[in-house]
Amino acid sequence: MENNSIFFSIIIPAHNEESVIASTCEAIINRFKSEGINDFEIVCINDNSKDNTEQVLQKLCAQYPVIRYFNSVSAPGFGLAVRRGLVEYKGEVAAIVMGDLSDSPDDILSYYSQMKQGAECVFGSRFIKGSNVINYPNPKYTLNRLGNLMIKLLFRFGYNDITNAFKCYHRKVIDGIQPLLSRHFNLTVEIPLKAIVRGYNYKVIPISWTNRRVGKSKFHIKEMGSRYLFIILYVFLEKLLSGNDYKRVN
């Protein structure tokens, strides 16, 4: 596949996802193919898996030319895996998608449509009219709502789901928010917050989210609290003190 034939790159980090990564990739491929869309790729990053994730990815790549996979060469970490994907993707835009099919292929297709219409970023929200959330654990839901409220108040914007990884960015945004620091799930807030603070426009649409049906969540609240706070304060200090040194250049 020629590089210039790819518009839409779907980046999927996978850590011990042998039971679901194939169904996730196939659901996305089938949804895009059903619309006659061919200018996309799936870039899977094997994040130091201890199970058979890599073997599954090898088989998927042999079966589907639109899939490429790479092993994360860094220490384990969601953020490091996504950052590897953001080095390897070939498209004009990149969508970050979870490997457990918690994100709907229909919504990925909606991101594609919005980016085709010229959006710089597309941010889904699970908590606006038209969204749908299935089996969100109550403790995580409460912490999510409190954390997003704090971020909204601190940065003074209306978007209410900044912590969700499932977002889409034009290549100029990815290039314009470098360097990225986060090694773990705090990357989910670093990327969109930098995009907003540095002056890129974003479109918010309602999305669906379903808690994973098999396997275990890789997100651990106790491990992430201080890392999230660090990144939030880091980007806030850029906003407050940098004098627009990092703002986009049109």
C-alpha atoms as a PDB file:
ATOM      1  CA  MET A   1       0.000   0.000   0.000  1.00  0.00           C
ATOM      2  CA  GLU A   2       1.423   3.380  -0.979  1.00  0.00           C
ATOM      3  CA  ASN A   3       1.882   5.864   1.842  1.00  0.00           C
ATOM      4  CA  ASN A   4      -0.042   8.600   0.035  1.00  0.00           C
ATOM      5  CA  SER A   5      -3.099   6.327  -0.338  1.00  0.00           C
ATOM      6  CA  ILE A   6      -3.689   6.320   3.420  1.00  0.00           C
ATOM      7  CA  PHE A   7      -5.820   9.069   4.911  1.00  0.00           C
ATOM      8  CA  PHE A   8      -6.939   7.572   8.218  1.00  0.00           C
ATOM      9  CA  SER A   9      -4.664   5.722  10.642  1.00  0.00           C
ATOM     10  CA  ILE A  10      -6.144   3.820  13.585  1.00  0.00           C
ATOM     11  CA  ILE A  11      -3.606   3.331  16.369  1.00  0.00           C
ATOM     12  CA  ILE A  12      -4.338   0.488  18.773  1.00  0.00           C
ATOM     13  CA  PRO A  13      -2.065  -0.220  21.758  1.00  0.00           C
ATOM     14  CA  ALA A  14      -2.361  -3.843  22.874  1.00  0.00           C
ATOM     15  CA  HIS A  15      -1.104  -5.249  26.168  1.00  0.00           C
ATOM     16  CA  ASN A  16      -2.136  -8.871  26.773  1.00  0.00           C
ATOM     17  CA  GLU A  17      -5.101  -8.638  24.414  1.00  0.00           C
ATOM     18  CA  GLU A  18      -4.850 -12.068  22.740  1.00  0.00           C
ATOM     19  CA  SER A  19      -8.531 -12.751  23.385  1.00  0.00           C
ATOM     20  CA  VAL A  20      -9.926  -9.567  21.822  1.00  0.00           C
ATOM     21  CA  ILE A  21      -7.462  -7.861  19.480  1.00  0.00           C
ATOM     22  CA  ALA A  22      -8.505  -9.933  16.448  1.00  0.00           C
ATOM     23  CA  SER A  23     -12.223  -9.240  16.931  1.00  0.00           C
ATOM     24  CA  THR A  24     -11.466  -5.545  17.477  1.00  0.00           C
ATOM     25  CA  CYS A  25      -9.472  -5.208  14.267  1.00  0.00           C
ATOM     26  CA  GLU A  26     -11.926  -7.269  12.236  1.00  0.00           C
ATOM     27  CA  ALA A  27     -14.930  -5.278  13.467  1.00  0.00           C
ATOM     28  CA  ILE A  28     -13.246  -2.040  12.391  1.00  0.00           C
ATOM     29  CA  ILE A  29     -12.194  -3.423   9.009  1.00  0.00           C
ATOM     30  CA  ASN A  30     -15.667  -4.805   8.298  1.00  0.00           C
ATOM     31  CA  ARG A  31     -17.330  -1.510   9.228  1.00  0.00           C
ATOM     32  CA  PHE A  32     -15.069   0.545   6.983  1.00  0.00           C
ATOM     33  CA  LYS A  33     -15.296  -1.913   4.119  1.00  0.00           C
ATOM     34  CA  SER A  34     -19.098  -1.875   4.391  1.00  0.00           C
ATOM     35  CA  GLU A  35     -18.923   1.831   3.478  1.00  0.00           C
ATOM     36  CA  GLY A  36     -16.472   1.220   0.640  1.00  0.00           C
ATOM     37  CA  ILE A  37     -13.671   2.996   2.493  1.00  0.00           C
ATOM     38  CA  ASN A  38     -10.183   1.811   1.643  1.00  0.00           C
ATOM     39  CA  ASP A  39      -7.867   4.708   2.526  1.00  0.00           C
ATOM     40  CA  PHE A  40      -7.247   3.574   6.092  1.00  0.00           C
ATOM     41  CA  GLU A  41      -4.793   1.479   8.059  1.00  0.00           C
ATOM     42  CA  ILE A  42      -4.657  -0.110  11.505  1.00  0.00           C
ATOM     43  CA  VAL A  43      -1.388   0.250  13.400  1.00  0.00           C
ATOM     44  CA  CYS A  44      -1.216  -2.098  16.376  1.00  0.00           C
ATOM     45  CA  ILE A  45       1.484  -1.683  18.998  1.00  0.00           C
ATOM     46  CA  ASN A  46       2.263  -4.760  21.053  1.00  0.00           C
ATOM     47  CA  ASP A  47       2.949  -3.284  24.472  1.00  0.00           C
ATOM     48  CA  ASN A  48       5.244  -5.887  26.043  1.00  0.00           C
ATOM     49  CA  SER A  49       2.508  -8.525  26.113  1.00  0.00           C
ATOM     50  CA  LYS A  50       3.187 -11.716  28.067  1.00  0.00           C
ATOM     51  CA  ASP A  51       0.489 -13.728  26.306  1.00  0.00           C
ATOM     52  CA  ASN A  52       0.039 -14.592  22.620  1.00  0.00           C
ATOM     53  CA  THR A  53      -0.881 -11.089  21.477  1.00  0.00           C
ATOM     54  CA  GLU A  54       2.100 -10.869  19.134  1.00  0.00           C
ATOM     55  CA  GLN A  55       1.296 -14.197  17.495  1.00  0.00           C
ATOM     56  CA  VAL A  56      -2.293 -13.073  16.937  1.00  0.00           C
ATOM     57  CA  LEU A  57      -1.051  -9.819  15.399  1.00  0.00           C
ATOM     58  CA  GLN A  58       1.276 -11.718  13.078  1.00  0.00           C
ATOM     59  CA  LYS A  59      -1.666 -13.746  11.780  1.00  0.00           C
ATOM     60  CA  LEU A  60      -3.807 -10.637  11.367  1.00  0.00           C
ATOM     61  CA  CYS A  61      -1.104  -8.879   9.356  1.00  0.00           C
ATOM     62  CA  ALA A  62      -0.823 -11.899   7.067  1.00  0.00           C
ATOM     63  CA  GLN A  63      -4.576 -11.939   6.541  1.00  0.00           C
ATOM     64  CA  TYR A  64      -5.294  -8.202   6.280  1.00  0.00           C
ATOM     65  CA  PRO A  65      -2.899  -5.915   4.356  1.00  0.00           C
ATOM     66  CA  VAL A  66      -4.381  -2.848   6.108  1.00  0.00           C
ATOM     67  CA  ILE A  67      -2.907  -3.988   9.456  1.00  0.00           C
ATOM     68  CA  ARG A  68       0.660  -3.335  10.539  1.00  0.00           C
ATOM     69  CA  TYR A  69       2.082  -4.083  13.952  1.00  0.00           C
ATOM     70  CA  PHE A  70       5.150  -3.063  15.914  1.00  0.00           C
ATOM     71  CA  ASN A  71       6.585  -4.140  19.214  1.00  0.00           C
ATOM     72  CA  SER A  72       7.034  -1.376  21.744  1.00  0.00           C
ATOM     73  CA  VAL A  73      10.772  -1.137  22.299  1.00  0.00           C
ATOM     74  CA  SER A  74      10.402   0.875  25.494  1.00  0.00           C
ATOM     75  CA  ALA A  75       9.304  -0.146  28.964  1.00  0.00           C
ATOM     76  CA  PRO A  76       5.677  -1.243  29.334  1.00  0.00           C
ATOM     77  CA  GLY A  77       3.208   1.614  29.300  1.00  0.00           C
ATOM     78  CA  PHE A  78       0.074   2.675  27.431  1.00  0.00           C
ATOM     79  CA  GLY A  79       1.517   6.109  26.687  1.00  0.00           C
ATOM     80  CA  LEU A  80       4.780   4.737  25.351  1.00  0.00           C
ATOM     81  CA  ALA A  81       2.902   2.325  23.101  1.00  0.00           C
ATOM     82  CA  VAL A  82       0.698   5.081  21.677  1.00  0.00           C
ATOM     83  CA  ARG A  83       3.734   7.291  21.166  1.00  0.00           C
ATOM     84  CA  ARG A  84       5.337   4.508  19.124  1.00  0.00           C
ATOM     85  CA  GLY A  85       2.188   4.383  17.022  1.00  0.00           C
ATOM     86  CA  LEU A  86       2.382   8.147  16.510  1.00  0.00           C
ATOM     87  CA  VAL A  87       5.848   7.653  15.047  1.00  0.00           C
ATOM     88  CA  GLU A  88       4.843   4.806  12.737  1.00  0.00           C
ATOM     89  CA  TYR A  89       1.458   5.905  11.332  1.00  0.00           C
ATOM     90  CA  LYS A  90       1.247   6.881   7.653  1.00  0.00           C
ATOM     91  CA  GLY A  91      -2.064   8.720   7.391  1.00  0.00           C
ATOM     92  CA  GLU A  92      -2.991  12.371   7.367  1.00  0.00           C
ATOM     93  CA  VAL A  93      -4.897  11.813  10.599  1.00  0.00           C
ATOM     94  CA  ALA A  94      -4.611   9.420  13.527  1.00  0.00           C
ATOM     95  CA  ALA A  95      -7.318   8.005  15.776  1.00  0.00           C
ATOM     96  CA  ILE A  96      -6.395   6.365  19.078  1.00  0.00           C
ATOM     97  CA  VAL A  97      -8.583   3.331  19.730  1.00  0.00           C
ATOM     98  CA  MET A  98      -8.581   0.844  22.599  1.00  0.00           C
ATOM     99  CA  GLY A  99      -7.788  -2.786  21.865  1.00  0.00           C
ATOM    100  CA  ASP A 100     -10.743  -4.233  23.799  1.00  0.00           C
ATOM    101  CA  LEU A 101     -13.490  -2.976  21.432  1.00  0.00           C
ATOM    102  CA  SER A 102     -14.862  -0.633  24.090  1.00  0.00           C
ATOM    103  CA  ASP A 103     -14.947   2.009  21.331  1.00  0.00           C
ATOM    104  CA  SER A 104     -17.608   1.597  18.663  1.00  0.00           C
ATOM    105  CA  PRO A 105     -16.554   1.076  15.028  1.00  0.00           C
ATOM    106  CA  ASP A 106     -19.495   3.307  14.106  1.00  0.00           C
ATOM    107  CA  ASP A 107     -17.910   6.139  16.088  1.00  0.00           C
ATOM    108  CA  ILE A 108     -14.519   5.534  14.479  1.00  0.00           C
ATOM    109  CA  LEU A 109     -16.306   5.935  11.154  1.00  0.00           C
ATOM    110  CA  SER A 110     -17.857   9.189  12.426  1.00  0.00           C
ATOM    111  CA  TYR A 111     -14.356  10.447  13.279  1.00  0.00           C
ATOM    112  CA  TYR A 112     -13.283   9.590   9.739  1.00  0.00           C
ATOM    113  CA  SER A 113     -16.199  11.593   8.305  1.00  0.00           C
ATOM    114  CA  GLN A 114     -15.489  14.620  10.499  1.00  0.00           C
ATOM    115  CA  MET A 115     -11.807  14.609   9.554  1.00  0.00           C
ATOM    116  CA  LYS A 116     -12.716  14.334   5.870  1.00  0.00           C
ATOM    117  CA  GLN A 117     -14.752  17.508   6.368  1.00  0.00           C
ATOM    118  CA  GLY A 118     -11.645  19.350   7.587  1.00  0.00           C
ATOM    119  CA  ALA A 119     -11.663  18.998  11.367  1.00  0.00           C
ATOM    120  CA  GLU A 120      -8.321  19.374  13.147  1.00  0.00           C
ATOM    121  CA  CYS A 121      -9.366  17.232  16.121  1.00  0.00           C
ATOM    122  CA  VAL A 122     -12.452  15.177  16.888  1.00  0.00           C
ATOM    123  CA  PHE A 123     -13.187  14.524  20.551  1.00  0.00           C
ATOM    124  CA  GLY A 124     -15.895  12.071  21.510  1.00  0.00           C
ATOM    125  CA  SER A 125     -17.908  12.499  24.680  1.00  0.00           C
ATOM    126  CA  ARG A 126     -19.608   9.710  26.572  1.00  0.00           C
ATOM    127  CA  PHE A 127     -21.567  12.209  28.656  1.00  0.00           C
ATOM    128  CA  ILE A 128     -23.581  14.386  26.288  1.00  0.00           C
ATOM    129  CA  LYS A 129     -26.941  13.985  24.561  1.00  0.00           C
ATOM    130  CA  GLY A 130     -26.835  11.107  22.100  1.00  0.00           C
ATOM    131  CA  SER A 131     -24.029   9.218  23.858  1.00  0.00           C
ATOM    132  CA  ASN A 132     -24.344   5.722  25.288  1.00  0.00           C
ATOM    133  CA  VAL A 133     -22.369   4.136  28.133  1.00  0.00           C
ATOM    134  CA  ILE A 134     -22.711   0.460  29.056  1.00  0.00           C
ATOM    135  CA  ASN A 135     -21.458  -1.097  32.303  1.00  0.00           C
ATOM    136  CA  TYR A 136     -19.213   1.736  33.478  1.00  0.00           C
ATOM    137  CA  PRO A 137     -18.003   0.688  36.985  1.00  0.00           C
ATOM    138  CA  ASN A 138     -19.403   3.098  39.575  1.00  0.00           C
ATOM    139  CA  PRO A 139     -16.104   3.954  41.360  1.00  0.00           C
ATOM    140  CA  LYS A 140     -14.379   4.742  38.062  1.00  0.00           C
ATOM    141  CA  TYR A 141     -17.402   6.709  36.876  1.00  0.00           C
ATOM    142  CA  THR A 142     -17.361   8.897  39.981  1.00  0.00           C
ATOM    143  CA  LEU A 143     -13.629   9.555  39.718  1.00  0.00           C
ATOM    144  CA  ASN A 144     -13.987  10.254  36.007  1.00  0.00           C
ATOM    145  CA  ARG A 145     -16.674  12.865  36.539  1.00  0.00           C
ATOM    146  CA  LEU A 146     -14.749  14.572  39.359  1.00  0.00           C
ATOM    147  CA  GLY A 147     -11.509  14.578  37.392  1.00  0.00           C
ATOM    148  CA  ASN A 148     -13.109  15.977  34.265  1.00  0.00           C
ATOM    149  CA  LEU A 149     -14.898  18.651  36.273  1.00  0.00           C
ATOM    150  CA  MET A 150     -11.591  19.738  37.806  1.00  0.00           C
ATOM    151  CA  ILE A 151      -9.964  19.945  34.374  1.00  0.00           C
ATOM    152  CA  LYS A 152     -12.911  21.907  32.939  1.00  0.00           C
ATOM    153  CA  LEU A 153     -12.724  24.453  35.741  1.00  0.00           C
ATOM    154  CA  LEU A 154      -8.947  24.758  35.573  1.00  0.00           C
ATOM    155  CA  PHE A 155      -8.733  25.227  31.804  1.00  0.00           C
ATOM    156  CA  ARG A 156     -12.097  26.965  31.367  1.00  0.00           C
ATOM    157  CA  PHE A 157     -13.549  25.008  28.504  1.00  0.00           C
ATOM    158  CA  GLY A 158     -16.832  23.153  28.103  1.00  0.00           C
ATOM    159  CA  TYR A 159     -15.609  19.743  26.966  1.00  0.00           C
ATOM    160  CA  ASN A 160     -16.449  17.091  29.572  1.00  0.00           C
ATOM    161  CA  ASP A 161     -14.588  13.884  28.601  1.00  0.00           C
ATOM    162  CA  ILE A 162     -10.940  14.883  28.275  1.00  0.00           C
ATOM    163  CA  THR A 163      -9.664  11.708  29.980  1.00  0.00           C
ATOM    164  CA  ASN A 164     -10.999   9.316  27.339  1.00  0.00           C
ATOM    165  CA  ALA A 165      -8.246   8.082  25.007  1.00  0.00           C
ATOM    166  CA  PHE A 166     -10.599   7.657  22.047  1.00  0.00           C
ATOM    167  CA  LYS A 167      -9.913  10.801  20.025  1.00  0.00           C
ATOM    168  CA  CYS A 168      -8.717  11.762  16.552  1.00  0.00           C
ATOM    169  CA  TYR A 169      -6.067  14.262  15.432  1.00  0.00           C
ATOM    170  CA  HIS A 170      -4.741  15.690  12.197  1.00  0.00           C
ATOM    171  CA  ARG A 171      -1.036  15.117  11.604  1.00  0.00           C
ATOM    172  CA  LYS A 172      -0.340  18.846  11.989  1.00  0.00           C
ATOM    173  CA  VAL A 173      -1.772  18.632  15.512  1.00  0.00           C
ATOM    174  CA  ILE A 174       0.366  15.620  16.429  1.00  0.00           C
ATOM    175  CA  ASP A 175       3.430  17.440  15.132  1.00  0.00           C
ATOM    176  CA  GLY A 176       2.429  20.653  16.901  1.00  0.00           C
ATOM    177  CA  ILE A 177       2.031  19.181  20.401  1.00  0.00           C
ATOM    178  CA  GLN A 178       5.487  17.664  20.651  1.00  0.00           C
ATOM    179  CA  PRO A 179       7.291  16.745  22.777  1.00  0.00           C
ATOM    180  CA  LEU A 180       5.042  14.239  24.514  1.00  0.00           C
ATOM    181  CA  LEU A 181       6.110  13.248  28.023  1.00  0.00           C
ATOM    182  CA  SER A 182       3.540  10.766  29.311  1.00  0.00           C
ATOM    183  CA  ARG A 183       4.509   7.112  29.531  1.00  0.00           C
ATOM    184  CA  HIS A 184       1.215   5.763  30.863  1.00  0.00           C
ATOM    185  CA  PHE A 185      -2.523   6.487  30.673  1.00  0.00           C
ATOM    186  CA  ASN A 186      -1.873  10.143  31.486  1.00  0.00           C
ATOM    187  CA  LEU A 187      -1.131  10.519  27.769  1.00  0.00           C
ATOM    188  CA  THR A 188      -4.918  10.508  27.343  1.00  0.00           C
ATOM    189  CA  VAL A 189      -5.035  13.993  28.869  1.00  0.00           C
ATOM    190  CA  GLU A 190      -1.683  15.313  27.659  1.00  0.00           C
ATOM    191  CA  ILE A 191      -2.530  15.081  23.962  1.00  0.00           C
ATOM    192  CA  PRO A 192      -5.948  16.815  23.972  1.00  0.00           C
ATOM    193  CA  LEU A 193      -4.976  19.413  26.576  1.00  0.00           C
ATOM    194  CA  LYS A 194      -1.915  20.414  24.578  1.00  0.00           C
ATOM    195  CA  ALA A 195      -3.992  20.525  21.413  1.00  0.00           C
ATOM    196  CA  ILE A 196      -6.481  22.886  23.058  1.00  0.00           C
ATOM    197  CA  VAL A 197      -3.899  25.063  24.813  1.00  0.00           C
ATOM    198  CA  ARG A 198      -1.813  25.375  21.657  1.00  0.00           C
ATOM    199  CA  GLY A 199      -4.778  26.662  19.694  1.00  0.00           C
ATOM    200  CA  TYR A 200      -6.057  23.782  17.580  1.00  0.00           C
ATOM    201  CA  ASN A 201      -9.774  23.548  16.881  1.00  0.00           C
ATOM    202  CA  TYR A 202     -11.803  20.522  17.911  1.00  0.00           C
ATOM    203  CA  LYS A 203     -15.214  19.074  17.182  1.00  0.00           C
ATOM    204  CA  VAL A 204     -17.137  17.244  19.937  1.00  0.00           C
ATOM    205  CA  ILE A 205     -19.529  14.431  19.041  1.00  0.00           C
ATOM    206  CA  PRO A 206     -21.476  11.908  21.152  1.00  0.00           C
ATOM    207  CA  ILE A 207     -20.009   8.409  21.253  1.00  0.00           C
ATOM    208  CA  SER A 208     -20.772   5.003  22.710  1.00  0.00           C
ATOM    209  CA  TRP A 209     -18.596   3.137  25.190  1.00  0.00           C
ATOM    210  CA  THR A 210     -18.895  -0.447  26.424  1.00  0.00           C
ATOM    211  CA  ASN A 211     -16.909  -1.868  29.322  1.00  0.00           C
ATOM    212  CA  ARG A 212     -14.699  -4.743  28.241  1.00  0.00           C
ATOM    213  CA  ARG A 213     -16.391  -8.140  28.273  1.00  0.00           C
ATOM    214  CA  VAL A 214     -13.262 -10.290  28.568  1.00  0.00           C
ATOM    215  CA  GLY A 215      -9.801  -9.798  30.023  1.00  0.00           C
ATOM    216  CA  LYS A 216      -8.740  -7.287  32.628  1.00  0.00           C
ATOM    217  CA  SER A 217      -8.566  -3.505  32.498  1.00  0.00           C
ATOM    218  CA  LYS A 218      -5.003  -2.180  32.261  1.00  0.00           C
ATOM    219  CA  PHE A 219      -5.949   1.049  34.039  1.00  0.00           C
ATOM    220  CA  HIS A 220      -5.109   1.167  37.755  1.00  0.00           C
ATOM    221  CA  ILE A 221      -6.445   4.178  39.631  1.00  0.00           C
ATOM    222  CA  LYS A 222      -3.881   4.146  42.450  1.00  0.00           C
ATOM    223  CA  GLU A 223      -0.972   4.183  40.012  1.00  0.00           C
ATOM    224  CA  MET A 224      -2.320   6.967  37.819  1.00  0.00           C
ATOM    225  CA  GLY A 225      -3.405   9.724  40.223  1.00  0.00           C
ATOM    226  CA  SER A 226      -0.101  11.536  40.646  1.00  0.00           C
ATOM    227  CA  ARG A 227       0.835  11.050  36.999  1.00  0.00           C
ATOM    228  CA  TYR A 228      -2.410  12.608  35.828  1.00  0.00           C
ATOM    229  CA  LEU A 229      -1.937  15.525  38.215  1.00  0.00           C
ATOM    230  CA  PHE A 230       1.609  16.086  36.982  1.00  0.00           C
ATOM    231  CA  ILE A 231       0.552  16.269  33.334  1.00  0.00           C
ATOM    232  CA  ILE A 232      -2.468  18.468  34.055  1.00  0.00           C
ATOM    233  CA  LEU A 233      -0.323  20.949  35.991  1.00  0.00           C
ATOM    234  CA  TYR A 234       2.450  20.776  33.394  1.00  0.00           C
ATOM    235  CA  VAL A 235       0.083  21.785  30.581  1.00  0.00           C
ATOM    236  CA  PHE A 236      -1.621  24.373  32.808  1.00  0.00           C
ATOM    237  CA  LEU A 237       1.738  26.016  33.533  1.00  0.00           C
ATOM    238  CA  GLU A 238       2.423  26.122  29.799  1.00  0.00           C
ATOM    239  CA  LYS A 239      -0.910  27.876  29.319  1.00  0.00           C
ATOM    240  CA  LEU A 240      -0.268  30.264  32.212  1.00  0.00           C
ATOM    241  CA  LEU A 241       3.400  31.120  31.855  1.00  0.00           C
ATOM    242  CA  SER A 242       4.701  30.343  28.355  1.00  0.00           C
ATOM    243  CA  GLY A 243       3.528  33.565  26.746  1.00  0.00           C
ATOM    244  CA  ASN A 244       2.090  31.644  23.797  1.00  0.00           C
ATOM    245  CA  ASP A 245       5.564  30.427  22.796  1.00  0.00           C
ATOM    246  CA  TYR A 246       4.068  27.048  21.870  1.00  0.00           C
ATOM    247  CA  LYS A 247       0.917  28.276  20.146  1.00  0.00           C
ATOM    248  CA  ARG A 248       0.235  26.964  16.670  1.00  0.00           C
ATOM    249  CA  VAL A 249       1.809  28.781  13.754  1.00  0.00           C
ATOM    250  CA  ASN A 250      -0.674  29.080  10.881  1.00  0.00           C
END
